[in-house]
């Protein structure tokens, strides 16, 4: 074997561990990125919007009181487009009745299961959502051109006349708080008929 061949062989042997180490480092970095990457919730099955939850809740509301009136819709874990993901997240649909002191809340999960509870919330009594309120996908779409960051999901949201008591007192609005990919939060306010109003 020539000295040059021996040197070449030695160099190749030295490079193999380096190449393996470099490959391992790349794999570790890739796995770390994938592990830390936020999971964007998706919906592939029917339903999931706020109006879907209200429709499912109405039967429970009618059984609770025949004169039940829809007064608030809140959501947690809603996707960035205004639908519940396939797993996780809930809509809570609230009703008040002139013939009852309590307020009834119907909690609707991502599979359409409904559970109910009552509470004493005087602030919700006496007002009802307008018949033409904008559904969640439409309200979320109204925020799109005004978003300062990229939303991953919705931390929480509310449609009611008490959703924004300081900025829009006694006005029925959507308050939508997004969790952004940058790790920050951003809140948008949209009118009941789907017009973007402000961001903070």
Protein backbone atom coordinates (compact mmCIF):
# COMPACT_ATOMS: atom_id res chain seq x y z
CA UNK A 1 0.00 0.00 0.00
CA UNK A 2 1.29 3.46 -0.89
CA UNK A 3 1.83 5.98 1.91
CA UNK A 4 -0.74 8.20 0.22
CA UNK A 5 -3.31 5.34 0.29
CA UNK A 6 -2.59 4.74 3.98
CA UNK A 7 -3.10 8.44 4.73
CA UNK A 8 -6.33 8.45 2.77
CA UNK A 9 -7.60 5.37 4.62
CA UNK A 10 -6.67 6.88 7.98
CA UNK A 11 -8.44 10.11 7.08
CA UNK A 12 -11.60 8.23 6.07
CA UNK A 13 -11.56 6.30 9.34
CA UNK A 14 -11.25 9.56 11.26
CA UNK A 15 -14.09 11.13 9.29
CA UNK A 16 -16.57 8.30 9.91
CA UNK A 17 -17.08 9.08 13.61
CA UNK A 18 -17.33 12.77 12.78
CA UNK A 19 -19.95 12.10 10.13
CA UNK A 20 -21.88 9.86 12.51
CA UNK A 21 -21.67 12.50 15.23
CA UNK A 22 -22.86 15.17 12.82
CA UNK A 23 -25.77 13.04 11.66
CA UNK A 24 -26.72 12.27 15.27
CA UNK A 25 -26.63 15.95 16.13
CA UNK A 26 -28.92 16.76 13.20
CA UNK A 27 -31.37 14.06 14.28
CA UNK A 28 -31.36 15.37 17.86
CA UNK A 29 -32.02 18.93 16.67
CA UNK A 30 -34.82 17.77 14.37
CA UNK A 31 -36.50 15.75 17.14
CA UNK A 32 -36.20 18.69 19.53
CA UNK A 33 -37.84 21.03 17.01
CA UNK A 34 -40.65 18.57 16.38
CA UNK A 35 -41.20 18.04 20.10
CA UNK A 36 -41.37 21.77 20.78
CA UNK A 37 -43.44 22.65 17.73
CA UNK A 38 -46.98 23.66 18.68
CA UNK A 39 -49.75 21.30 17.69
CA UNK A 40 -52.26 23.15 15.53
CA UNK A 41 -55.74 21.81 16.30
CA UNK A 42 -57.72 20.65 13.28
CA UNK A 43 -61.30 19.57 12.66
CA UNK A 44 -62.08 16.85 10.16
CA UNK A 45 -65.55 15.78 11.33
CA UNK A 46 -68.86 17.66 10.87
CA UNK A 47 -69.85 20.49 13.18
CA UNK A 48 -67.66 22.27 15.69
CA UNK A 49 -68.73 25.89 15.22
CA UNK A 50 -70.56 27.93 17.84
CA UNK A 51 -73.91 27.66 16.03
CA UNK A 52 -73.53 23.86 15.99
CA UNK A 53 -73.11 23.90 19.77
CA UNK A 54 -76.13 26.20 20.21
CA UNK A 55 -78.30 23.88 18.11
CA UNK A 56 -77.26 20.91 20.26
CA UNK A 57 -77.86 22.87 23.47
CA UNK A 58 -81.37 24.05 22.63
CA UNK A 59 -83.06 20.76 23.52
CA UNK A 60 -81.57 20.88 27.02
CA UNK A 61 -82.54 24.54 27.32
CA UNK A 62 -86.16 23.83 26.36
CA UNK A 63 -86.36 21.00 28.87
CA UNK A 64 -84.98 23.37 31.50
CA UNK A 65 -87.47 26.13 30.62
CA UNK A 66 -89.81 26.57 27.68
CA UNK A 67 -89.04 30.30 27.62
CA UNK A 68 -85.25 29.91 27.74
CA UNK A 69 -83.37 32.68 25.94
CA UNK A 70 -79.87 32.41 24.56
CA UNK A 71 -77.69 35.01 26.27
CA UNK A 72 -74.04 33.98 25.97
CA UNK A 73 -71.65 31.69 24.10
CA UNK A 74 -68.14 31.06 25.41
CA UNK A 75 -65.42 28.76 24.13
CA UNK A 76 -62.10 27.35 25.31
CA UNK A 77 -59.63 25.39 23.22
CA UNK A 78 -61.26 26.51 19.97
CA UNK A 79 -59.15 26.31 16.84
CA UNK A 80 -57.71 29.36 15.10
CA UNK A 81 -60.48 29.28 12.47
CA UNK A 82 -63.42 29.19 14.92
CA UNK A 83 -64.14 25.44 15.10
CA UNK A 84 -63.48 23.00 17.90
CA UNK A 85 -60.68 20.56 17.00
CA UNK A 86 -61.42 16.85 16.67
CA UNK A 87 -60.35 16.34 20.27
CA UNK A 88 -60.45 18.83 23.12
CA UNK A 89 -62.09 22.20 23.53
CA UNK A 90 -65.66 23.04 24.51
CA UNK A 91 -68.39 25.53 23.80
CA UNK A 92 -70.52 26.67 26.74
CA UNK A 93 -73.96 27.94 25.74
CA UNK A 94 -75.88 29.92 28.36
CA UNK A 95 -79.61 30.61 28.66
CA UNK A 96 -81.71 32.66 31.04
CA UNK A 97 -85.45 32.46 31.64
CA UNK A 98 -87.94 35.05 32.94
CA UNK A 99 -89.53 32.28 34.99
CA UNK A 100 -86.31 31.14 36.71
CA UNK A 101 -83.72 32.82 38.91
CA UNK A 102 -80.80 30.70 37.73
CA UNK A 103 -78.90 30.69 34.44
CA UNK A 104 -78.50 27.37 32.64
CA UNK A 105 -75.22 26.47 30.93
CA UNK A 106 -74.96 23.69 28.35
CA UNK A 107 -71.39 22.51 27.83
CA UNK A 108 -70.82 20.95 24.40
CA UNK A 109 -67.60 19.04 23.74
CA UNK A 110 -65.92 18.31 20.42
CA UNK A 111 -67.93 15.10 19.97
CA UNK A 112 -71.25 16.87 20.49
CA UNK A 113 -71.87 15.54 24.00
CA UNK A 114 -73.93 17.94 26.11
CA UNK A 115 -73.81 18.38 29.89
CA UNK A 116 -75.68 21.06 31.84
CA UNK A 117 -75.33 23.03 35.04
CA UNK A 118 -76.93 26.06 36.66
CA UNK A 119 -75.46 29.19 38.22
CA UNK A 120 -76.60 32.48 39.65
CA UNK A 121 -75.34 35.21 37.30
CA UNK A 122 -77.63 38.26 37.39
CA UNK A 123 -75.51 40.07 34.77
CA UNK A 124 -76.63 37.59 32.10
CA UNK A 125 -80.32 38.00 32.79
CA UNK A 126 -82.49 40.37 30.79
CA UNK A 127 -80.58 40.26 27.52
CA UNK A 128 -80.56 37.85 24.62
CA UNK A 129 -78.21 37.40 21.68
CA UNK A 130 -79.54 38.90 18.44
CA UNK A 131 -81.08 36.36 16.10
CA UNK A 132 -78.56 37.19 13.39
CA UNK A 133 -75.36 36.85 15.46
CA UNK A 134 -72.28 35.95 13.43
CA UNK A 135 -71.15 32.35 13.80
CA UNK A 136 -67.63 31.72 15.07
CA UNK A 137 -65.94 30.96 11.70
CA UNK A 138 -67.26 34.25 10.33
CA UNK A 139 -66.18 36.23 13.41
CA UNK A 140 -62.73 34.62 13.37
CA UNK A 141 -62.38 35.38 9.66
CA UNK A 142 -63.06 39.07 10.40
CA UNK A 143 -59.88 39.19 12.52
CA UNK A 144 -57.60 37.69 9.90
CA UNK A 145 -56.47 40.87 8.14
CA UNK A 146 -55.90 42.55 11.50
CA UNK A 147 -53.80 39.85 13.16
CA UNK A 148 -50.30 40.92 14.20
CA UNK A 149 -49.05 37.35 14.70
CA UNK A 150 -49.93 33.84 13.55
CA UNK A 151 -52.60 32.25 15.79
CA UNK A 152 -52.16 28.62 16.85
CA UNK A 153 -55.48 28.38 18.64
CA UNK A 154 -58.03 30.33 20.65
CA UNK A 155 -57.35 30.49 24.37
CA UNK A 156 -60.86 31.70 25.14
CA UNK A 157 -63.71 33.64 23.57
CA UNK A 158 -67.09 35.06 24.48
CA UNK A 159 -70.14 36.37 22.68
CA UNK A 160 -72.43 38.35 24.98
CA UNK A 161 -73.43 41.85 26.07
CA UNK A 162 -70.92 41.62 28.94
CA UNK A 163 -67.96 40.34 26.92
CA UNK A 164 -66.26 43.78 26.79
CA UNK A 165 -67.72 45.86 29.64
CA UNK A 166 -65.03 48.57 29.48
CA UNK A 167 -64.58 49.06 25.74
CA UNK A 168 -68.11 48.19 24.58
CA UNK A 169 -70.43 48.34 27.61
CA UNK A 170 -73.84 46.71 27.11
CA UNK A 171 -73.00 45.89 23.48
CA UNK A 172 -73.12 42.33 22.24
CA UNK A 173 -69.70 41.54 20.81
CA UNK A 174 -67.32 38.66 20.26
CA UNK A 175 -64.13 38.84 22.36
CA UNK A 176 -61.55 36.42 20.90
CA UNK A 177 -58.19 35.83 22.59
CA UNK A 178 -55.64 34.05 20.38
CA UNK A 179 -52.47 32.23 21.41
CA UNK A 180 -49.83 33.11 18.83
CA UNK A 181 -47.03 31.00 17.41
CA UNK A 182 -44.58 33.51 18.87
CA UNK A 183 -45.79 32.57 22.36
CA UNK A 184 -47.75 35.78 22.86
CA UNK A 185 -51.46 36.53 23.12
CA UNK A 186 -53.67 38.83 21.08
CA UNK A 187 -57.31 39.78 21.70
CA UNK A 188 -59.74 40.89 19.00
CA UNK A 189 -63.24 42.30 19.36
CA UNK A 190 -65.80 41.65 16.63
CA UNK A 191 -69.36 42.96 16.51
CA UNK A 192 -72.31 40.59 16.83
CA UNK A 193 -72.88 40.87 13.09
CA UNK A 194 -69.27 40.00 12.23
CA UNK A 195 -67.48 43.36 11.83
CA UNK A 196 -63.95 43.72 13.23
CA UNK A 197 -63.81 46.46 15.87
CA UNK A 198 -60.46 46.50 17.64
CA UNK A 199 -57.39 44.59 18.80
CA UNK A 200 -55.37 44.75 21.99
